[in-house]
Amino acid sequence: MNSRRILLVEDEQDIADLVVLHLDDLCDEIVVANDGHEGLRQATMRDWSLIILDLRLPGPDGLEICRAVRRERSYQPILMLTSKSLELDRVLGLDTGADDYLTKPFSVLELAARVRAILRRVENLQKPASQDAADKHSIQAGSIYIDPARRHVTLDGISVELTAREFDLLEHFARHPGRVFRRAELLDRVWGYGHEGYEHTVNSHINRLRSKIEGDPSRPEVIVTVWGVGYKFSDQAV
């Protein structure tokens, strides 16, 4: 098993100390960056099992760091820490590519639970899988091939880079072709707990997903909008 390495970018020392105290037994190494400049440097210089990223930072803010990570590194899980009073922060964080968010003040038990879940997902990504297992669970939908065992997607035989959330969203749609899902249903089934009331972030994720798998994202043929209801994976694509 690869070493579990967590980067915590948090300028409030009391919060940083509390997080380190409660996550120390979940990982092999925790590195703390106390401002955006050091956070950006650390986030883009090496691979991490998880980056815990505060949005409000001296120097480059969390959104800027998140964008840089998504642009410069291979996939890195990101958990955002946001201000409870600023809904826009949470929405922007998810829309920028964060995998999850937690609002301040937060329960350290909930933080630990979310960190464990993300680390498990990362380790499942790294586990080798037999070809038989991959074939058994794979999905072929037109020119799209989805390998859930390896969490890998190809389009016309070419690999497609998806974030963890984009992959989960695509797999969920592909397993239910023709079924219409409301945004609230997608949040519940794909995002899970803690995202009630953020149906509009589904639109952003679907737009990004379309830009990667549709021939013409402005006229989607795979993930189709059902006006006034939600979205569906076109049964024409199967």
Protein backbone atom coordinates (compact mmCIF):
# COMPACT_ATOMS: atom_id res chain seq x y z
CA MET A 1 0.00 0.00 0.00
CA ASN A 2 1.31 3.47 -0.87
CA SER A 3 2.02 5.90 1.95
CA ARG A 4 -0.90 8.08 2.96
CA ARG A 5 0.23 11.71 2.65
CA ILE A 6 -2.06 14.62 3.48
CA LEU A 7 -1.42 18.29 2.76
CA LEU A 8 -3.34 20.71 4.99
CA VAL A 9 -3.46 24.32 3.78
CA GLU A 10 -4.88 26.33 6.69
CA ASP A 11 -3.81 29.73 8.01
CA GLU A 12 -5.56 29.46 11.39
CA GLN A 13 -3.01 27.71 13.60
CA ASP A 14 -5.57 26.48 16.16
CA ILE A 15 -7.60 24.75 13.44
CA ALA A 16 -4.47 23.33 11.82
CA ASP A 17 -3.30 21.88 15.15
CA LEU A 18 -6.74 20.35 15.80
CA VAL A 19 -6.89 18.74 12.36
CA VAL A 20 -3.39 17.30 12.67
CA LEU A 21 -4.23 15.90 16.11
CA HIS A 22 -7.31 14.04 14.85
CA LEU A 23 -5.95 12.87 11.50
CA ASP A 24 -2.49 11.83 12.59
CA ASP A 25 -3.47 8.17 13.02
CA LEU A 26 -5.16 8.06 9.58
CA CYS A 27 -2.03 8.79 7.57
CA ASP A 28 1.73 8.41 7.43
CA GLU A 29 2.51 12.08 6.94
CA ILE A 30 0.73 15.42 7.35
CA VAL A 31 2.32 18.56 5.96
CA VAL A 32 0.86 21.92 7.02
CA ALA A 33 1.07 25.06 4.89
CA ASN A 34 -0.02 28.24 6.67
CA ASP A 35 -0.57 30.51 3.67
CA GLY A 36 -1.53 30.35 0.03
CA HIS A 37 1.98 30.75 -1.35
CA GLU A 38 3.35 27.76 0.55
CA GLY A 39 0.14 25.84 -0.06
CA LEU A 40 0.39 26.36 -3.82
CA ARG A 41 4.05 25.31 -3.82
CA GLN A 42 3.42 22.16 -1.81
CA ALA A 43 0.23 21.24 -3.69
CA THR A 44 1.88 21.31 -7.11
CA MET A 45 5.32 19.88 -6.30
CA ARG A 46 4.34 16.31 -5.36
CA ASP A 47 1.47 13.83 -5.26
CA TRP A 48 -0.78 13.71 -2.21
CA SER A 49 -3.34 11.18 -1.01
CA LEU A 50 -5.51 14.16 -0.04
CA ILE A 51 -5.29 17.96 0.01
CA ILE A 52 -7.38 19.67 2.70
CA LEU A 53 -7.69 23.22 1.48
CA ASP A 54 -9.08 26.32 3.20
CA LEU A 55 -10.64 28.78 0.77
CA ARG A 56 -9.75 31.99 2.61
CA LEU A 57 -5.97 32.25 2.72
CA PRO A 58 -3.26 34.94 2.72
CA GLY A 59 -1.76 35.00 -0.76
CA PRO A 60 -3.31 32.75 -3.41
CA ASP A 61 -6.72 31.64 -2.15
CA GLY A 62 -8.08 28.13 -2.12
CA LEU A 63 -9.86 28.48 -5.46
CA GLU A 64 -6.63 29.53 -7.16
CA ILE A 65 -4.75 26.61 -5.60
CA CYS A 66 -7.51 24.18 -6.59
CA ARG A 67 -7.42 25.38 -10.18
CA ALA A 68 -3.62 25.06 -10.28
CA VAL A 69 -3.75 21.51 -8.92
CA ARG A 70 -6.36 20.47 -11.47
CA ARG A 71 -4.33 22.11 -14.25
CA GLU A 72 -0.81 20.98 -13.36
CA ARG A 73 -1.05 17.66 -11.55
CA SER A 74 -2.59 14.28 -12.15
CA TYR A 75 -5.79 13.74 -10.20
CA GLN A 76 -5.50 14.82 -6.56
CA PRO A 77 -8.42 14.52 -4.12
CA ILE A 78 -9.32 17.88 -2.59
CA LEU A 79 -11.48 18.54 0.48
CA MET A 80 -12.41 22.21 0.83
CA LEU A 81 -12.88 24.01 4.14
CA THR A 82 -15.31 26.89 3.69
CA SER A 83 -17.03 29.59 5.72
CA LYS A 84 -20.50 28.54 6.83
CA SER A 85 -21.93 31.99 6.08
CA LEU A 86 -20.61 32.13 2.52
CA GLU A 87 -22.66 29.82 0.30
CA LEU A 88 -20.87 31.14 -2.77
CA ASP A 89 -17.58 29.76 -1.42
CA ARG A 90 -18.99 26.25 -1.23
CA VAL A 91 -20.53 26.40 -4.68
CA LEU A 92 -17.37 27.81 -6.25
CA GLY A 93 -15.27 25.20 -4.48
CA LEU A 94 -17.29 22.34 -5.90
CA ASP A 95 -17.52 23.94 -9.33
CA THR A 96 -13.75 24.44 -9.42
CA GLY A 97 -13.20 20.71 -8.96
CA ALA A 98 -13.14 19.97 -5.24
CA ASP A 99 -14.31 16.46 -4.33
CA ASP A 100 -16.01 17.49 -1.13
CA TYR A 101 -16.36 20.40 1.27
CA LEU A 102 -16.82 20.97 4.99
CA THR A 103 -18.09 24.18 6.53
CA LYS A 104 -16.54 25.93 9.52
CA PRO A 105 -17.02 25.39 12.37
CA PHE A 106 -16.93 21.66 11.68
CA SER A 107 -17.01 18.49 13.73
CA VAL A 108 -13.61 16.80 13.81
CA LEU A 109 -15.43 13.45 13.81
CA GLU A 110 -17.18 14.34 10.57
CA LEU A 111 -13.89 15.57 9.12
CA ALA A 112 -12.21 12.28 10.01
CA ALA A 113 -15.11 10.32 8.48
CA ARG A 114 -14.88 12.22 5.21
CA VAL A 115 -11.10 11.87 5.11
CA ARG A 116 -11.37 8.11 5.66
CA ALA A 117 -13.90 7.84 2.83
CA ILE A 118 -11.69 9.78 0.42
CA LEU A 119 -8.57 7.80 1.34
CA ARG A 120 -10.45 4.52 0.82
CA ARG A 121 -11.52 5.69 -2.62
CA VAL A 122 -7.95 6.66 -3.52
CA GLU A 123 -6.64 3.28 -2.40
CA ASN A 124 -9.31 1.48 -4.40
CA LEU A 125 -8.13 3.43 -7.44
CA GLN A 126 -4.61 2.14 -6.85
CA LYS A 127 -5.55 -1.50 -6.35
CA PRO A 128 -4.73 -3.79 -9.28
CA ALA A 129 -7.74 -5.58 -10.67
CA SER A 130 -7.90 -8.72 -12.79
CA GLN A 131 -9.08 -8.40 -16.37
CA ASP A 132 -11.97 -10.76 -15.63
CA ALA A 133 -13.23 -8.46 -12.89
CA ALA A 134 -12.83 -5.43 -15.15
CA ASP A 135 -14.70 -7.11 -18.01
CA LYS A 136 -17.49 -8.24 -15.71
CA HIS A 137 -18.25 -4.75 -14.52
CA SER A 138 -17.30 -2.69 -17.56
CA ILE A 139 -19.81 -0.57 -19.46
CA GLN A 140 -19.77 0.00 -23.22
CA ALA A 141 -21.99 2.86 -24.35
CA GLY A 142 -21.38 3.65 -27.98
CA SER A 143 -17.84 4.97 -28.27
CA ILE A 144 -17.54 5.35 -24.47
CA TYR A 145 -15.94 2.53 -22.48
CA ILE A 146 -16.12 2.68 -18.68
CA ASP A 147 -13.95 0.43 -16.52
CA PRO A 148 -15.23 0.80 -12.94
CA ALA A 149 -12.61 -1.54 -11.49
CA ARG A 150 -9.84 0.80 -12.64
CA ARG A 151 -12.04 3.92 -12.72
CA HIS A 152 -10.89 4.50 -16.26
CA VAL A 153 -12.80 5.91 -19.24
CA THR A 154 -11.95 5.88 -22.92
CA LEU A 155 -13.65 7.63 -25.82
CA ASP A 156 -13.00 6.02 -29.21
CA GLY A 157 -10.13 4.18 -27.52
CA ILE A 158 -8.52 7.37 -26.16
CA SER A 159 -8.23 7.87 -22.41
CA VAL A 160 -10.41 10.59 -20.89
CA GLU A 161 -9.19 12.37 -17.75
CA LEU A 162 -12.08 12.70 -15.29
CA THR A 163 -12.17 13.85 -11.70
CA ALA A 164 -13.52 11.35 -9.18
CA ARG A 165 -16.88 13.13 -9.10
CA GLU A 166 -17.12 13.29 -12.89
CA PHE A 167 -16.37 9.57 -13.11
CA ASP A 168 -19.02 8.74 -10.49
CA LEU A 169 -21.54 10.89 -12.32
CA LEU A 170 -20.82 9.30 -15.69
CA GLU A 171 -20.91 5.76 -14.29
CA HIS A 172 -24.22 6.43 -12.54
CA PHE A 173 -25.80 7.75 -15.73
CA ALA A 174 -24.41 4.91 -17.85
CA ARG A 175 -25.80 2.25 -15.51
CA HIS A 176 -29.29 3.75 -15.88
CA PRO A 177 -29.68 4.62 -19.59
CA GLY A 178 -32.90 6.40 -20.43
CA ARG A 179 -33.81 7.11 -16.81
CA VAL A 180 -34.35 10.78 -15.97
CA PHE A 181 -32.72 12.02 -12.76
CA ARG A 182 -33.63 15.24 -11.01
CA ARG A 183 -30.69 17.31 -9.76
CA ALA A 184 -31.59 16.55 -6.15
CA GLU A 185 -31.50 12.82 -6.92
CA LEU A 186 -28.05 13.12 -8.47
CA LEU A 187 -26.77 15.02 -5.45
CA ASP A 188 -28.09 12.31 -3.16
CA ARG A 189 -26.80 9.37 -5.22
CA VAL A 190 -23.48 10.75 -6.46
CA TRP A 191 -22.42 13.47 -4.05
CA GLY A 192 -23.93 11.87 -0.95
CA TYR A 193 -24.56 13.54 2.38
CA GLY A 194 -24.03 17.19 3.11
CA HIS A 195 -24.88 18.69 -0.28
CA GLU A 196 -28.60 19.37 0.07
CA GLY A 197 -29.65 22.63 -1.53
CA TYR A 198 -26.81 22.78 -4.09
CA GLU A 199 -28.62 21.41 -7.12
CA HIS A 200 -27.05 24.10 -9.33
CA THR A 201 -23.58 22.60 -8.85
CA VAL A 202 -24.82 19.53 -10.77
CA ASN A 203 -25.14 21.73 -13.86
CA SER A 204 -21.48 22.75 -13.67
CA HIS A 205 -20.24 19.18 -13.28
CA ILE A 206 -22.40 17.99 -16.16
CA ASN A 207 -21.14 20.82 -18.36
CA ARG A 208 -17.54 19.85 -17.62
CA LEU A 209 -18.33 16.18 -18.22
CA ARG A 210 -19.98 17.01 -21.53
CA SER A 211 -16.91 18.98 -22.61
CA LYS A 212 -14.88 15.78 -22.25
CA ILE A 213 -17.21 13.15 -23.75
CA GLU A 214 -19.53 14.91 -26.21
CA GLY A 215 -18.65 15.56 -29.84
CA ASP A 216 -20.39 18.94 -29.59
CA PRO A 217 -21.00 19.92 -25.93
CA SER A 218 -23.44 22.64 -27.04
CA ARG A 219 -25.62 19.92 -28.61
CA PRO A 220 -25.18 16.95 -26.25
CA GLU A 221 -26.18 13.49 -27.42
CA VAL A 222 -24.95 11.39 -24.47
CA ILE A 223 -26.05 13.25 -21.34
CA VAL A 224 -29.29 14.89 -22.40
CA THR A 225 -31.23 17.65 -20.65
CA VAL A 226 -34.88 16.87 -19.99
CA TRP A 227 -36.24 20.37 -19.66
CA GLY A 228 -38.04 21.12 -16.42
CA VAL A 229 -37.00 17.79 -14.92
CA GLY A 230 -33.30 16.97 -15.00
CA TYR A 231 -30.88 14.85 -17.03
CA LYS A 232 -30.64 11.39 -18.52
CA PHE A 233 -28.08 9.20 -20.24
CA SER A 234 -29.46 8.79 -23.74
CA ASP A 235 -30.48 5.23 -24.53
CA GLN A 236 -29.32 6.05 -28.08
CA ALA A 237 -25.75 6.03 -26.73
CA VAL A 238 -25.94 2.46 -25.43
